Amino acid sequence: MDNPMPIEPNPLFPRMFIIEEKRKESPTVVSLYLRSVDDQPFDFSPGQFNMISAIGGGEAAISIAGDPTDTHLLIHTLRIVGNVTRSLNTLQKKDPVFIRGPYGKGWPTEQAQGKTLILVAGGIGLPPLLPLIYKAKQQRGYFKKLVLLYGARTKEELLFMPFLEKMAQEKVIDLHLSLDRPSPGWNGHVGTVITLVSTVQFDPQQTVVFCCGPEIMMRFAAREFERWKVPKKNIFCSLERNMKCAIGICGHCQLSAYFLCKDGPVFPYEKIQKLLTIEEL
């Protein structure tokens, strides 16, 4: 009797996870720490995303914010802005959630190996970059230097500060913070995150830049690094659109010739440079 053909896993079939912990990161942002009920490992690459849902609450694409080396714990950080995230926010410890993924192309870490890697994060754009910090902690020396330029509108909107400060103290990252406008008790830099670029010393030919945040921020950040002679091919951006199938079939996340779920969400800046200048595309 011939051996049966192996059955490929269905990319649309979700796995059940249980909320192990729920943390309030800011007035409008929460993190869900999830553990699978089947105790099977969950592998992902930094920059990838999952489709996450609650029973009867719809489904949303959320980047993975945890440690890639911990294959049994998933961290998803979400801003409470729509029906799905509001539904997820009602869940508590031990409640079930359902995960499809991981999907998409992540950060090209191999291109940054042995070089200075500068992460540029605006607001909720920080979580997709966090797996890179975990990677740098676990693999000391993988990056020559890891710099984080992180900006938010107010002090209350700076996320994961205890973790970031700890990583800075342990010299895993070189941390630079900025607020768009002054906040009570803030003595740090004031201005957009782009104004932090000039405060960092780097060799432009040996530097790679990963950007995540509002598209207008990424567009001007990329231009600023170009002005400092970082090669365009060394600049990458993570884009966001509403997603449904996450496997390039429905077309919901189409951006010009690209499907963000399949061709992205991380793109070389030189591929999307013109697209970032088109309003409401």
Protein backbone atom coordinates (compact mmCIF):
# COMPACT_ATOMS: atom_id res chain seq x y z
CA MET A 1 0.00 0.00 0.00
CA ASP A 2 1.36 3.41 -0.97
CA ASN A 3 2.13 5.88 1.77
CA PRO A 4 -0.58 8.55 2.01
CA MET A 5 0.32 12.05 0.92
CA PRO A 6 1.07 14.34 3.87
CA ILE A 7 -1.73 16.75 4.66
CA GLU A 8 -0.70 20.38 4.47
CA PRO A 9 -1.95 22.53 7.35
CA ASN A 10 -4.87 24.76 6.45
CA PRO A 11 -3.65 28.39 6.63
CA LEU A 12 -7.19 29.54 7.40
CA PHE A 13 -7.64 27.21 10.37
CA PRO A 14 -7.00 28.93 13.74
CA ARG A 15 -5.35 27.56 16.86
CA MET A 16 -6.76 28.18 20.30
CA PHE A 17 -4.73 30.12 22.84
CA ILE A 18 -5.46 31.08 26.43
CA ILE A 19 -4.76 34.51 27.88
CA GLU A 20 -2.04 34.02 30.47
CA GLU A 21 -1.73 37.71 31.28
CA LYS A 22 -3.28 40.99 30.23
CA ARG A 23 -1.37 44.24 30.70
CA LYS A 24 -2.54 47.80 30.23
CA GLU A 25 0.29 49.61 28.46
CA SER A 26 -1.46 52.99 28.16
CA PRO A 27 -5.03 54.32 28.38
CA THR A 28 -5.77 52.94 24.89
CA VAL A 29 -3.25 50.10 24.48
CA VAL A 30 -3.21 46.61 26.01
CA SER A 31 -0.96 43.57 25.61
CA LEU A 32 -2.25 40.01 25.62
CA TYR A 33 0.17 37.26 26.66
CA LEU A 34 -1.06 34.03 25.08
CA ARG A 35 -0.21 30.37 25.54
CA SER A 36 -1.45 27.63 23.20
CA VAL A 37 -3.77 24.96 24.56
CA ASP A 38 -2.13 22.24 22.43
CA ASP A 39 1.34 23.03 23.83
CA GLN A 40 2.78 22.96 20.30
CA PRO A 41 5.54 25.46 19.48
CA PHE A 42 4.69 28.58 17.52
CA ASP A 43 7.57 29.82 15.39
CA PHE A 44 7.65 33.26 13.83
CA SER A 45 10.10 35.78 12.42
CA PRO A 46 10.38 39.37 13.70
CA GLY A 47 7.98 41.58 11.78
CA GLN A 48 5.37 38.92 10.99
CA PHE A 49 1.74 39.19 12.12
CA ASN A 50 -1.14 36.97 13.19
CA MET A 51 -4.88 37.12 12.64
CA ILE A 52 -6.35 37.19 16.13
CA SER A 53 -9.99 36.84 17.14
CA ALA A 54 -12.35 36.37 20.06
CA ILE A 55 -15.51 34.27 19.84
CA GLY A 56 -18.12 36.31 17.99
CA GLY A 57 -15.89 39.37 17.90
CA GLY A 58 -14.40 39.31 14.41
CA GLU A 59 -10.76 39.05 13.41
CA ALA A 60 -7.88 41.54 13.07
CA ALA A 61 -4.27 41.50 11.92
CA ILE A 62 -1.93 42.23 14.83
CA SER A 63 1.87 42.17 14.75
CA ILE A 64 3.70 39.78 17.04
CA ALA A 65 5.52 41.66 19.80
CA GLY A 66 7.20 38.85 21.74
CA ASP A 67 10.45 36.93 21.90
CA PRO A 68 11.02 34.77 18.78
CA THR A 69 13.02 32.28 20.86
CA ASP A 70 10.09 31.64 23.23
CA THR A 71 7.98 29.43 20.98
CA HIS A 72 5.27 28.80 23.58
CA LEU A 73 4.33 32.38 24.50
CA LEU A 74 2.81 34.91 22.10
CA ILE A 75 2.52 38.61 22.85
CA HIS A 76 0.10 40.82 20.94
CA THR A 77 -0.15 44.52 21.68
CA LEU A 78 -3.23 46.29 20.35
CA ARG A 79 -4.74 49.74 20.34
CA ILE A 80 -8.43 49.81 21.22
CA VAL A 81 -9.83 51.57 18.15
CA GLY A 82 -12.45 49.33 16.49
CA ASN A 83 -15.00 46.60 17.06
CA VAL A 84 -12.50 43.73 16.99
CA THR A 85 -10.00 45.30 19.36
CA ARG A 86 -12.81 46.41 21.66
CA SER A 87 -14.03 42.82 21.73
CA LEU A 88 -10.53 41.54 22.49
CA ASN A 89 -10.19 44.12 25.25
CA THR A 90 -13.19 42.65 27.08
CA LEU A 91 -11.34 39.36 27.52
CA GLN A 92 -9.66 38.47 30.79
CA LYS A 93 -7.10 36.00 32.10
CA LYS A 94 -7.84 32.37 31.07
CA ASP A 95 -10.25 33.44 28.31
CA PRO A 96 -9.70 31.83 24.89
CA VAL A 97 -8.56 33.62 21.74
CA PHE A 98 -7.96 32.19 18.29
CA ILE A 99 -4.81 32.68 16.22
CA ARG A 100 -4.09 32.21 12.52
CA GLY A 101 -0.56 32.69 11.35
CA PRO A 102 2.14 33.69 11.28
CA TYR A 103 1.84 35.57 8.01
CA GLY A 104 3.84 37.94 5.87
CA LYS A 105 7.43 38.88 5.27
CA GLY A 106 9.27 40.12 8.33
CA TRP A 107 12.31 42.28 8.92
CA PRO A 108 15.38 41.24 6.87
CA THR A 109 17.61 40.72 9.91
CA GLU A 110 20.28 38.98 7.86
CA GLN A 111 20.88 42.24 5.96
CA ALA A 112 21.61 43.99 9.26
CA GLN A 113 23.92 41.32 10.69
CA GLY A 114 27.24 42.82 11.70
CA LYS A 115 26.00 46.36 11.02
CA THR A 116 24.43 49.19 12.98
CA LEU A 117 20.66 48.68 13.01
CA ILE A 118 18.54 51.74 13.72
CA LEU A 119 14.91 51.13 14.67
CA VAL A 120 12.54 54.06 14.19
CA ALA A 121 9.21 53.68 15.98
CA GLY A 122 6.28 56.04 16.21
CA GLY A 123 3.58 55.33 18.80
CA ILE A 124 1.98 51.92 18.31
CA GLY A 125 4.70 51.19 15.72
CA LEU A 126 6.97 49.97 18.52
CA PRO A 127 5.53 46.42 19.10
CA PRO A 128 6.48 45.03 15.64
CA LEU A 129 10.08 46.06 16.38
CA LEU A 130 10.30 44.51 19.86
CA PRO A 131 11.22 40.99 18.60
CA LEU A 132 14.42 42.52 17.21
CA ILE A 133 15.37 43.73 20.69
CA TYR A 134 14.74 40.25 22.09
CA LYS A 135 16.91 38.86 19.30
CA ALA A 136 19.73 41.28 20.12
CA LYS A 137 19.51 40.28 23.77
CA GLN A 138 19.66 36.57 22.98
CA GLN A 139 22.31 36.88 20.26
CA ARG A 140 24.79 39.45 21.53
CA GLY A 141 26.96 40.70 18.70
CA TYR A 142 24.52 39.76 15.92
CA PHE A 143 24.12 43.49 15.25
CA LYS A 144 27.17 45.69 15.60
CA LYS A 145 24.94 48.18 17.40
CA LEU A 146 21.19 48.43 17.96
CA VAL A 147 19.72 51.91 18.22
CA LEU A 148 16.07 52.66 19.02
CA LEU A 149 14.60 56.04 18.11
CA TYR A 150 11.16 56.07 19.69
CA GLY A 151 8.64 58.89 19.64
CA ALA A 152 5.11 59.39 20.95
CA ARG A 153 2.71 62.27 21.32
CA THR A 154 2.73 62.29 25.14
CA LYS A 155 4.66 60.65 27.98
CA GLU A 156 1.66 58.41 28.75
CA GLU A 157 1.80 56.98 25.24
CA LEU A 158 5.38 55.72 25.51
CA LEU A 159 4.97 51.94 25.65
CA PHE A 160 7.08 49.22 27.33
CA MET A 161 9.26 51.77 29.11
CA PRO A 162 10.40 49.47 31.98
CA PHE A 163 11.54 46.90 29.40
CA LEU A 164 13.23 49.48 27.17
CA GLU A 165 15.02 51.11 30.09
CA LYS A 166 16.22 47.70 31.27
CA MET A 167 17.53 46.88 27.78
CA ALA A 168 19.31 50.24 27.70
CA GLN A 169 20.89 49.62 31.11
CA GLU A 170 22.09 46.21 29.91
CA LYS A 171 23.48 47.90 26.77
CA VAL A 172 21.33 45.81 24.47
CA ILE A 173 20.00 49.00 22.87
CA ASP A 174 21.02 52.63 22.57
CA LEU A 175 17.72 54.29 23.49
CA HIS A 176 16.62 57.74 22.28
CA LEU A 177 13.17 59.07 23.18
CA SER A 178 11.14 62.05 22.03
CA LEU A 179 7.70 63.51 22.62
CA ASP A 180 5.78 65.51 20.05
CA ARG A 181 4.81 68.00 22.74
CA PRO A 182 6.05 68.63 26.29
CA SER A 183 4.44 66.66 29.12
CA PRO A 184 4.57 67.42 32.85
CA GLY A 185 7.72 65.93 34.33
CA TRP A 186 9.35 65.34 30.94
CA ASN A 187 12.92 66.60 30.66
CA GLY A 188 13.85 64.75 27.48
CA HIS A 189 13.83 65.59 23.79
CA VAL A 190 10.78 67.35 22.34
CA GLY A 191 9.96 67.05 18.65
CA THR A 192 9.05 64.38 16.15
CA VAL A 193 11.00 61.13 16.23
CA ILE A 194 12.70 62.22 12.99
CA THR A 195 14.50 65.01 14.86
CA LEU A 196 16.35 62.31 16.83
CA VAL A 197 18.27 61.13 13.77
CA SER A 198 20.81 63.95 14.05
CA THR A 199 21.52 62.98 17.68
CA VAL A 200 22.93 59.56 16.72
CA GLN A 201 26.39 58.79 15.38
CA PHE A 202 26.54 56.12 12.67
CA ASP A 203 28.42 55.14 9.54
CA PRO A 204 25.77 55.51 6.82
CA GLN A 205 27.33 52.86 4.59
CA GLN A 206 27.25 50.32 7.45
CA THR A 207 23.78 51.15 8.73
CA VAL A 208 20.39 49.52 8.17
CA VAL A 209 17.13 51.24 9.15
CA PHE A 210 13.81 49.60 10.07
CA CYS A 211 10.82 51.99 10.38
CA CYS A 212 7.36 51.32 11.80
CA GLY A 213 4.63 53.83 12.59
CA PRO A 214 2.41 56.30 10.75
CA GLU A 215 3.16 56.31 7.04
CA ILE A 216 3.90 60.04 6.96
CA MET A 217 6.47 59.50 9.72
CA MET A 218 8.13 56.65 7.83
CA ARG A 219 8.24 58.69 4.63
CA PHE A 220 10.04 61.60 6.28
CA ALA A 221 12.27 59.29 8.34
CA ALA A 222 13.42 57.53 5.17
CA ARG A 223 14.10 60.88 3.52
CA GLU A 224 16.13 62.00 6.53
CA PHE A 225 18.29 58.89 6.47
CA GLU A 226 18.76 59.34 2.73
CA ARG A 227 19.95 62.87 3.49
CA TRP A 228 22.50 61.34 5.85
CA LYS A 229 23.65 59.07 2.97
CA VAL A 230 22.20 55.78 4.17
CA PRO A 231 21.69 53.71 0.98
CA LYS A 232 18.05 53.49 -0.01
CA LYS A 233 18.37 49.70 -0.27
CA ASN A 234 19.17 49.61 3.47
CA ILE A 235 15.90 51.26 4.56
CA PHE A 236 12.79 49.18 5.27
CA CYS A 237 9.24 50.08 6.32
CA SER A 238 6.37 48.05 7.76
CA LEU A 239 2.99 49.01 6.30
CA GLU A 240 -0.48 48.45 7.69
CA ARG A 241 -3.84 47.88 6.02
CA ASN A 242 -7.05 46.12 7.03
CA MET A 243 -6.69 42.42 6.26
CA LYS A 244 -9.17 39.59 5.93
CA CYS A 245 -7.78 36.36 4.46
CA ALA A 246 -4.07 37.10 5.15
CA ILE A 247 -2.97 34.81 2.31
CA GLY A 248 -3.31 37.08 -0.75
CA ILE A 249 -6.69 35.91 -2.02
CA CYS A 250 -9.33 38.46 -0.99
CA GLY A 251 -7.47 41.60 -2.12
CA HIS A 252 -8.58 43.52 0.95
CA CYS A 253 -5.05 44.69 1.73
CA GLN A 254 -3.96 45.44 -1.83
CA LEU A 255 -1.66 48.42 -2.27
CA SER A 256 -1.05 49.07 -5.96
CA ALA A 257 0.53 45.83 -7.25
CA TYR A 258 1.26 44.48 -3.75
CA PHE A 259 -0.70 42.45 -1.24
CA LEU A 260 0.49 43.56 2.19
CA CYS A 261 -0.34 40.22 3.80
CA LYS A 262 1.83 38.28 1.36
CA ASP A 263 4.35 40.72 -0.14
CA GLY A 264 4.73 42.61 3.15
CA PRO A 265 4.06 43.94 5.66
CA VAL A 266 7.79 44.79 5.58
CA PHE A 267 8.94 46.35 2.31
CA PRO A 268 12.21 47.81 1.04
CA TYR A 269 11.72 51.57 0.99
CA GLU A 270 12.83 51.76 -2.64
CA LYS A 271 9.85 49.58 -3.61
CA ILE A 272 7.21 51.74 -1.92
CA GLN A 273 8.79 55.19 -1.99
CA LYS A 274 6.39 56.59 -4.59
CA LEU A 275 3.38 54.87 -3.01
CA LEU A 276 4.02 56.62 0.31
CA THR A 277 3.53 59.99 -1.41
CA ILE A 278 0.02 59.19 -2.68
CA GLU A 279 -2.69 60.32 -0.30
CA GLU A 280 -5.39 57.83 0.75
CA LEU A 281 -3.93 55.00 -1.35
